Amino acid sequence: MEMRQFREVAERLRVAGIPVTLQRLEVARVLLTRPVHMSADQILERVRETTPETSRATVYNTLKLFREKNLVRELIVDPERTFYDSNTAPHYHLYDVTTGKLSDVSADELTVVGMPKLPPGVDLEEVDVIIRVRSRSA
């Protein structure tokens, strides 16, 4: 990681109230330097390229912390696939079930009309829309 990028990522963690460690910096480098959708295993693989001693538990705990601090969104695409999205601005997703690729759909491209009546005592946290597509057979 170049020094400018290192300082920017470290500052972003500090502003979020996250104590800076080498492993957290590496997870942040993988996730927060550009818009990405990655699984925890993909993140672990990328982090281990520069910090091989990083454990799976460290990555999962860091992802949980980043999610709690709203640095990433957790997207459960299906029971076996969870992605972490570094774009926390309002938007939706297109998921290709054939390739496993997840991509952003601008909030301008899709309008969600209305909301269900919520049970007493709860507040709406967010709305996740995942549009699933499948490649046509030739």
N, C-alpha and C. Protein backbone atom coordinates (compact mmCIF):
# COMPACT_ATOMS: atom_id res chain seq x y z
N MET A 1 0.87 -1.16 0.00
CA MET A 1 0.00 0.00 0.00
C MET A 1 0.92 1.22 0.00
N GLU A 2 0.63 2.17 -0.88
CA GLU A 2 1.43 3.38 -0.91
C GLU A 2 1.12 4.23 0.32
N MET A 3 2.05 5.10 0.70
CA MET A 3 1.94 5.86 1.95
C MET A 3 0.68 6.72 2.02
N ARG A 4 0.31 7.40 0.93
CA ARG A 4 -0.89 8.23 0.93
C ARG A 4 -2.13 7.37 1.19
N GLN A 5 -2.20 6.24 0.51
CA GLN A 5 -3.34 5.34 0.67
C GLN A 5 -3.38 4.81 2.12
N PHE A 6 -2.21 4.48 2.65
CA PHE A 6 -2.09 4.00 4.03
C PHE A 6 -2.65 5.04 5.00
N ARG A 7 -2.26 6.29 4.83
CA ARG A 7 -2.74 7.35 5.73
C ARG A 7 -4.25 7.56 5.60
N GLU A 8 -4.75 7.54 4.36
CA GLU A 8 -6.19 7.74 4.14
C GLU A 8 -7.02 6.63 4.78
N VAL A 9 -6.58 5.39 4.60
CA VAL A 9 -7.31 4.26 5.18
C VAL A 9 -7.23 4.30 6.69
N ALA A 10 -6.06 4.60 7.25
CA ALA A 10 -5.90 4.69 8.70
C ALA A 10 -6.80 5.79 9.27
N GLU A 11 -6.87 6.93 8.58
CA GLU A 11 -7.72 8.03 9.04
C GLU A 11 -9.19 7.64 8.98
N ARG A 12 -9.58 6.94 7.95
CA ARG A 12 -10.97 6.51 7.82
C ARG A 12 -11.36 5.59 8.97
N LEU A 13 -10.44 4.70 9.37
CA LEU A 13 -10.70 3.83 10.51
C LEU A 13 -10.80 4.64 11.80
N ARG A 14 -9.88 5.57 11.99
CA ARG A 14 -9.90 6.40 13.20
C ARG A 14 -11.20 7.20 13.30
N VAL A 15 -11.62 7.81 12.19
CA VAL A 15 -12.86 8.61 12.18
C VAL A 15 -14.05 7.73 12.56
N ALA A 16 -14.02 6.47 12.15
CA ALA A 16 -15.11 5.53 12.48
C ALA A 16 -15.00 5.01 13.91
N GLY A 17 -13.93 5.38 14.61
CA GLY A 17 -13.75 4.92 15.99
C GLY A 17 -13.16 3.54 16.09
N ILE A 18 -12.44 3.13 15.07
CA ILE A 18 -11.84 1.79 15.04
C ILE A 18 -10.35 1.90 15.33
N PRO A 19 -9.86 1.24 16.39
CA PRO A 19 -8.41 1.25 16.64
C PRO A 19 -7.67 0.63 15.45
N VAL A 20 -6.59 1.25 15.04
CA VAL A 20 -5.85 0.83 13.85
C VAL A 20 -4.84 -0.26 14.23
N THR A 21 -4.94 -1.40 13.52
CA THR A 21 -3.96 -2.47 13.62
C THR A 21 -3.52 -2.82 12.19
N LEU A 22 -2.43 -3.54 12.07
CA LEU A 22 -1.94 -3.91 10.75
C LEU A 22 -2.99 -4.74 10.00
N GLN A 23 -3.60 -5.71 10.66
CA GLN A 23 -4.60 -6.55 9.99
C GLN A 23 -5.82 -5.74 9.56
N ARG A 24 -6.28 -4.84 10.40
CA ARG A 24 -7.43 -4.01 10.03
C ARG A 24 -7.09 -3.10 8.85
N LEU A 25 -5.87 -2.57 8.86
CA LEU A 25 -5.42 -1.76 7.73
C LEU A 25 -5.42 -2.56 6.44
N GLU A 26 -4.99 -3.80 6.52
CA GLU A 26 -4.94 -4.64 5.31
C GLU A 26 -6.34 -4.99 4.82
N VAL A 27 -7.26 -5.30 5.72
CA VAL A 27 -8.64 -5.56 5.31
C VAL A 27 -9.23 -4.29 4.70
N ALA A 28 -8.96 -3.15 5.32
CA ALA A 28 -9.45 -1.87 4.79
C ALA A 28 -8.84 -1.58 3.42
N ARG A 29 -7.57 -1.89 3.24
CA ARG A 29 -6.92 -1.67 1.95
C ARG A 29 -7.63 -2.46 0.85
N VAL A 30 -7.97 -3.70 1.15
CA VAL A 30 -8.64 -4.56 0.18
C VAL A 30 -10.05 -4.05 -0.11
N LEU A 31 -10.75 -3.62 0.92
CA LEU A 31 -12.16 -3.26 0.77
C LEU A 31 -12.45 -1.79 0.49
N LEU A 32 -11.69 -0.89 1.08
CA LEU A 32 -12.13 0.50 1.12
C LEU A 32 -11.40 1.45 0.18
N THR A 33 -10.49 0.96 -0.61
CA THR A 33 -9.76 1.87 -1.50
C THR A 33 -10.43 2.04 -2.86
N ARG A 34 -11.43 1.21 -3.13
CA ARG A 34 -12.20 1.31 -4.37
C ARG A 34 -13.49 0.51 -4.17
N PRO A 35 -14.51 0.77 -4.97
CA PRO A 35 -15.76 0.00 -4.81
C PRO A 35 -15.57 -1.47 -5.18
N VAL A 36 -15.91 -2.36 -4.26
CA VAL A 36 -15.78 -3.80 -4.51
C VAL A 36 -16.93 -4.55 -3.86
N HIS A 37 -17.17 -5.75 -4.36
CA HIS A 37 -18.06 -6.73 -3.74
C HIS A 37 -17.21 -7.98 -3.59
N MET A 38 -16.94 -8.38 -2.36
CA MET A 38 -16.07 -9.54 -2.13
C MET A 38 -16.62 -10.39 -1.00
N SER A 39 -16.34 -11.69 -1.08
CA SER A 39 -16.68 -12.59 0.01
C SER A 39 -15.56 -12.51 1.06
N ALA A 40 -15.84 -13.01 2.25
CA ALA A 40 -14.83 -13.02 3.31
C ALA A 40 -13.61 -13.83 2.88
N ASP A 41 -13.83 -14.95 2.19
CA ASP A 41 -12.71 -15.77 1.73
C ASP A 41 -11.86 -15.05 0.69
N GLN A 42 -12.50 -14.29 -0.20
CA GLN A 42 -11.75 -13.50 -1.17
C GLN A 42 -10.93 -12.42 -0.47
N ILE A 43 -11.51 -11.80 0.53
CA ILE A 43 -10.80 -10.77 1.29
C ILE A 43 -9.61 -11.40 2.01
N LEU A 44 -9.82 -12.53 2.66
CA LEU A 44 -8.74 -13.23 3.36
C LEU A 44 -7.60 -13.55 2.40
N GLU A 45 -7.93 -14.06 1.23
CA GLU A 45 -6.91 -14.41 0.23
C GLU A 45 -6.09 -13.17 -0.15
N ARG A 46 -6.74 -12.06 -0.40
CA ARG A 46 -6.04 -10.82 -0.78
C ARG A 46 -5.20 -10.28 0.37
N VAL A 47 -5.73 -10.33 1.59
CA VAL A 47 -4.98 -9.84 2.76
C VAL A 47 -3.73 -10.68 2.97
N ARG A 48 -3.86 -11.98 2.80
CA ARG A 48 -2.71 -12.87 3.03
C ARG A 48 -1.59 -12.69 2.01
N GLU A 49 -1.88 -12.02 0.88
CA GLU A 49 -0.81 -11.73 -0.08
C GLU A 49 0.24 -10.83 0.54
N THR A 50 -0.17 -9.93 1.43
CA THR A 50 0.77 -9.01 2.06
C THR A 50 1.00 -9.31 3.53
N THR A 51 0.04 -9.95 4.17
CA THR A 51 0.14 -10.27 5.60
C THR A 51 -0.28 -11.72 5.80
N PRO A 52 0.62 -12.67 5.46
CA PRO A 52 0.25 -14.09 5.44
C PRO A 52 -0.19 -14.67 6.78
N GLU A 53 0.20 -14.05 7.88
CA GLU A 53 -0.15 -14.59 9.20
C GLU A 53 -1.56 -14.24 9.64
N THR A 54 -2.29 -13.49 8.83
CA THR A 54 -3.65 -13.08 9.19
C THR A 54 -4.58 -14.30 9.24
N SER A 55 -5.32 -14.42 10.33
CA SER A 55 -6.21 -15.57 10.49
C SER A 55 -7.59 -15.28 9.90
N ARG A 56 -8.31 -16.35 9.63
CA ARG A 56 -9.69 -16.24 9.15
C ARG A 56 -10.55 -15.52 10.20
N ALA A 57 -10.35 -15.85 11.47
CA ALA A 57 -11.13 -15.22 12.54
C ALA A 57 -10.89 -13.71 12.58
N THR A 58 -9.67 -13.28 12.36
CA THR A 58 -9.36 -11.85 12.35
C THR A 58 -10.13 -11.15 11.23
N VAL A 59 -10.16 -11.76 10.05
CA VAL A 59 -10.88 -11.16 8.93
C VAL A 59 -12.37 -11.10 9.23
N TYR A 60 -12.95 -12.18 9.72
CA TYR A 60 -14.38 -12.19 10.04
C TYR A 60 -14.72 -11.17 11.13
N ASN A 61 -13.89 -11.09 12.17
CA ASN A 61 -14.13 -10.12 13.24
C ASN A 61 -14.00 -8.69 12.72
N THR A 62 -13.04 -8.45 11.84
CA THR A 62 -12.85 -7.12 11.27
C THR A 62 -14.03 -6.75 10.38
N LEU A 63 -14.52 -7.69 9.58
CA LEU A 63 -15.68 -7.43 8.74
C LEU A 63 -16.91 -7.11 9.59
N LYS A 64 -17.09 -7.81 10.67
CA LYS A 64 -18.21 -7.54 11.59
C LYS A 64 -18.08 -6.12 12.15
N LEU A 65 -16.88 -5.74 12.55
CA LEU A 65 -16.65 -4.40 13.09
C LEU A 65 -16.89 -3.34 12.02
N PHE A 66 -16.37 -3.55 10.82
CA PHE A 66 -16.58 -2.60 9.71
C PHE A 66 -18.07 -2.45 9.39
N ARG A 67 -18.80 -3.57 9.44
CA ARG A 67 -20.24 -3.52 9.19
C ARG A 67 -20.95 -2.72 10.29
N GLU A 68 -20.59 -2.96 11.54
CA GLU A 68 -21.20 -2.24 12.66
C GLU A 68 -20.92 -0.74 12.59
N LYS A 69 -19.77 -0.37 12.04
CA LYS A 69 -19.38 1.04 11.94
C LYS A 69 -19.80 1.66 10.60
N ASN A 70 -20.58 0.89 9.82
CA ASN A 70 -21.11 1.35 8.52
C ASN A 70 -20.04 1.69 7.49
N LEU A 71 -18.94 0.97 7.53
CA LEU A 71 -17.91 1.13 6.51
C LEU A 71 -18.17 0.22 5.32
N VAL A 72 -18.91 -0.86 5.56
CA VAL A 72 -19.28 -1.80 4.49
C VAL A 72 -20.71 -2.25 4.73
N ARG A 73 -21.32 -2.76 3.66
CA ARG A 73 -22.63 -3.40 3.77
C ARG A 73 -22.44 -4.90 3.59
N GLU A 74 -23.16 -5.66 4.38
CA GLU A 74 -23.14 -7.11 4.24
C GLU A 74 -24.35 -7.51 3.41
N LEU A 75 -24.11 -8.23 2.32
CA LEU A 75 -25.18 -8.65 1.42
C LEU A 75 -25.26 -10.17 1.42
N ILE A 76 -26.35 -10.70 1.93
CA ILE A 76 -26.55 -12.14 1.93
C ILE A 76 -27.33 -12.46 0.66
N VAL A 77 -26.61 -12.94 -0.34
CA VAL A 77 -27.19 -13.19 -1.65
C VAL A 77 -27.98 -14.48 -1.64
N ASP A 78 -27.48 -15.49 -0.98
CA ASP A 78 -28.20 -16.74 -0.75
C ASP A 78 -27.57 -17.37 0.49
N PRO A 79 -28.12 -18.45 1.00
CA PRO A 79 -27.60 -19.00 2.25
C PRO A 79 -26.11 -19.36 2.23
N GLU A 80 -25.54 -19.53 1.04
CA GLU A 80 -24.14 -19.93 0.94
C GLU A 80 -23.23 -18.80 0.46
N ARG A 81 -23.79 -17.63 0.16
CA ARG A 81 -22.98 -16.53 -0.39
C ARG A 81 -23.29 -15.21 0.31
N THR A 82 -22.26 -14.69 0.94
CA THR A 82 -22.34 -13.37 1.55
C THR A 82 -21.23 -12.52 0.96
N PHE A 83 -21.59 -11.32 0.55
CA PHE A 83 -20.62 -10.38 0.00
C PHE A 83 -20.52 -9.17 0.92
N TYR A 84 -19.37 -8.53 0.87
CA TYR A 84 -19.17 -7.27 1.58
C TYR A 84 -18.99 -6.19 0.52
N ASP A 85 -19.80 -5.16 0.63
CA ASP A 85 -19.87 -4.09 -0.36
C ASP A 85 -19.28 -2.82 0.25
N SER A 86 -18.26 -2.27 -0.40
CA SER A 86 -17.62 -1.07 0.12
C SER A 86 -18.39 0.20 -0.22
N ASN A 87 -19.40 0.10 -1.07
CA ASN A 87 -20.22 1.25 -1.43
C ASN A 87 -21.41 1.29 -0.48
N THR A 88 -21.40 2.22 0.45
CA THR A 88 -22.48 2.29 1.44
C THR A 88 -23.55 3.31 1.06
N ALA A 89 -23.40 3.98 -0.08
CA ALA A 89 -24.43 4.90 -0.55
C ALA A 89 -25.65 4.08 -0.99
N PRO A 90 -26.85 4.68 -0.97
CA PRO A 90 -28.04 3.94 -1.40
C PRO A 90 -27.92 3.44 -2.84
N HIS A 91 -28.08 2.15 -3.01
CA HIS A 91 -28.08 1.53 -4.33
C HIS A 91 -28.57 0.09 -4.19
N TYR A 92 -28.73 -0.58 -5.33
CA TYR A 92 -29.24 -1.95 -5.37
C TYR A 92 -28.21 -2.82 -6.06
N HIS A 93 -28.56 -4.10 -6.25
CA HIS A 93 -27.59 -5.03 -6.81
C HIS A 93 -28.20 -5.96 -7.86
N LEU A 94 -27.35 -6.32 -8.80
CA LEU A 94 -27.67 -7.30 -9.83
C LEU A 94 -26.74 -8.48 -9.59
N TYR A 95 -27.30 -9.66 -9.40
CA TYR A 95 -26.50 -10.85 -9.11
C TYR A 95 -26.70 -11.88 -10.22
N ASP A 96 -25.62 -12.23 -10.88
CA ASP A 96 -25.66 -13.25 -11.93
C ASP A 96 -25.43 -14.61 -11.28
N VAL A 97 -26.47 -15.41 -11.18
CA VAL A 97 -26.36 -16.71 -10.49
C VAL A 97 -25.48 -17.68 -11.26
N THR A 98 -25.29 -17.45 -12.56
CA THR A 98 -24.44 -18.33 -13.36
C THR A 98 -22.97 -18.07 -13.06
N THR A 99 -22.58 -16.80 -13.02
CA THR A 99 -21.17 -16.45 -12.83
C THR A 99 -20.81 -16.13 -11.39
N GLY A 100 -21.81 -15.82 -10.57
CA GLY A 100 -21.53 -15.41 -9.20
C GLY A 100 -21.11 -13.95 -9.09
N LYS A 101 -21.25 -13.19 -10.17
CA LYS A 101 -20.84 -11.79 -10.18
C LYS A 101 -21.96 -10.91 -9.62
N LEU A 102 -21.56 -10.00 -8.73
CA LEU A 102 -22.48 -9.05 -8.13
C LEU A 102 -22.07 -7.65 -8.60
N SER A 103 -23.02 -6.88 -9.09
CA SER A 103 -22.70 -5.53 -9.55
C SER A 103 -23.75 -4.55 -9.04
N ASP A 104 -23.36 -3.29 -9.01
CA ASP A 104 -24.25 -2.24 -8.50
C ASP A 104 -25.29 -1.84 -9.53
N VAL A 105 -26.46 -1.49 -9.03
CA VAL A 105 -27.52 -0.87 -9.82
C VAL A 105 -27.80 0.46 -9.12
N SER A 106 -27.65 1.55 -9.83
CA SER A 106 -27.85 2.88 -9.26
C SER A 106 -29.26 3.02 -8.70
N ALA A 107 -29.36 3.75 -7.62
CA ALA A 107 -30.68 4.03 -7.04
C ALA A 107 -31.58 4.76 -8.03
N ASP A 108 -30.97 5.46 -9.00
CA ASP A 108 -31.74 6.16 -10.03
C ASP A 108 -32.38 5.20 -11.04
N GLU A 109 -31.85 3.99 -11.16
CA GLU A 109 -32.33 3.04 -12.16
C GLU A 109 -33.51 2.20 -11.69
N LEU A 110 -33.79 2.23 -10.41
CA LEU A 110 -34.85 1.39 -9.85
C LEU A 110 -35.58 2.20 -8.79
N THR A 111 -36.89 2.15 -8.84
CA THR A 111 -37.69 2.86 -7.84
C THR A 111 -38.47 1.84 -7.02
N VAL A 112 -38.27 1.90 -5.73
CA VAL A 112 -39.03 1.06 -4.81
C VAL A 112 -40.18 1.94 -4.31
N VAL A 113 -41.39 1.49 -4.57
CA VAL A 113 -42.57 2.29 -4.23
C VAL A 113 -43.24 1.66 -3.02
N GLY A 114 -43.40 2.47 -1.99
CA GLY A 114 -44.10 2.01 -0.80
C GLY A 114 -43.24 1.15 0.09
N MET A 115 -43.66 1.04 1.31
CA MET A 115 -43.02 0.20 2.31
C MET A 115 -44.12 -0.52 3.08
N PRO A 116 -43.83 -1.73 3.51
CA PRO A 116 -44.84 -2.44 4.30
C PRO A 116 -45.02 -1.79 5.66
N LYS A 117 -46.18 -1.99 6.23
CA LYS A 117 -46.41 -1.51 7.59
C LYS A 117 -45.53 -2.33 8.52
N LEU A 118 -44.74 -1.64 9.31
CA LEU A 118 -43.82 -2.32 10.21
C LEU A 118 -44.50 -2.66 11.53
N PRO A 119 -44.09 -3.76 12.14
CA PRO A 119 -44.65 -4.11 13.45
C PRO A 119 -44.32 -3.02 14.48
N PRO A 120 -45.13 -2.91 15.50
CA PRO A 120 -44.84 -1.92 16.55
C PRO A 120 -43.47 -2.17 17.18
N GLY A 121 -42.77 -1.07 17.48
CA GLY A 121 -41.50 -1.19 18.19
C GLY A 121 -40.28 -1.43 17.33
N VAL A 122 -40.42 -1.36 16.00
CA VAL A 122 -39.26 -1.54 15.14
C VAL A 122 -39.14 -0.35 14.19
N ASP A 123 -37.90 -0.07 13.79
CA ASP A 123 -37.61 0.97 12.82
C ASP A 123 -36.97 0.34 11.60
N LEU A 124 -37.23 0.91 10.44
CA LEU A 124 -36.63 0.44 9.21
C LEU A 124 -35.13 0.74 9.24
N GLU A 125 -34.31 -0.27 9.03
CA GLU A 125 -32.86 -0.08 9.00
C GLU A 125 -32.38 0.20 7.59
N GLU A 126 -32.74 -0.68 6.65
CA GLU A 126 -32.40 -0.46 5.25
C GLU A 126 -33.19 -1.44 4.40
N VAL A 127 -33.22 -1.18 3.10
CA VAL A 127 -33.88 -2.05 2.15
C VAL A 127 -32.81 -2.56 1.20
N ASP A 128 -32.67 -3.87 1.11
CA ASP A 128 -31.74 -4.48 0.17
C ASP A 128 -32.55 -5.07 -0.97
N VAL A 129 -32.19 -4.69 -2.19
CA VAL A 129 -32.82 -5.27 -3.37
C VAL A 129 -31.72 -5.96 -4.17
N ILE A 130 -31.89 -7.25 -4.37
CA ILE A 130 -30.95 -8.01 -5.18
C ILE A 130 -31.74 -8.61 -6.34
N ILE A 131 -31.38 -8.19 -7.54
CA ILE A 131 -32.03 -8.67 -8.76
C ILE A 131 -31.20 -9.84 -9.26
N ARG A 132 -31.78 -11.03 -9.29
CA ARG A 132 -31.05 -12.23 -9.71
C ARG A 132 -31.31 -12.49 -11.19
N VAL A 133 -30.24 -12.73 -11.92
CA VAL A 133 -30.34 -13.04 -13.35
C VAL A 133 -29.55 -14.31 -13.62
N ARG A 134 -29.86 -14.95 -14.73
CA ARG A 134 -29.16 -16.17 -15.13
C ARG A 134 -28.86 -16.05 -16.62
N SER A 135 -27.65 -16.45 -16.99
CA SER A 135 -27.27 -16.42 -18.40
C SER A 135 -28.15 -17.40 -19.18
N ARG A 136 -28.55 -17.01 -20.37
CA ARG A 136 -29.37 -17.89 -21.23
C ARG A 136 -28.50 -19.00 -21.78
N SER A 137 -29.08 -20.17 -21.87
CA SER A 137 -28.40 -21.32 -22.50
C SER A 137 -28.36 -21.10 -23.99
N ALA A 138 -27.24 -21.41 -24.59
CA ALA A 138 -27.10 -21.21 -26.05
C ALA A 138 -27.80 -22.28 -26.83
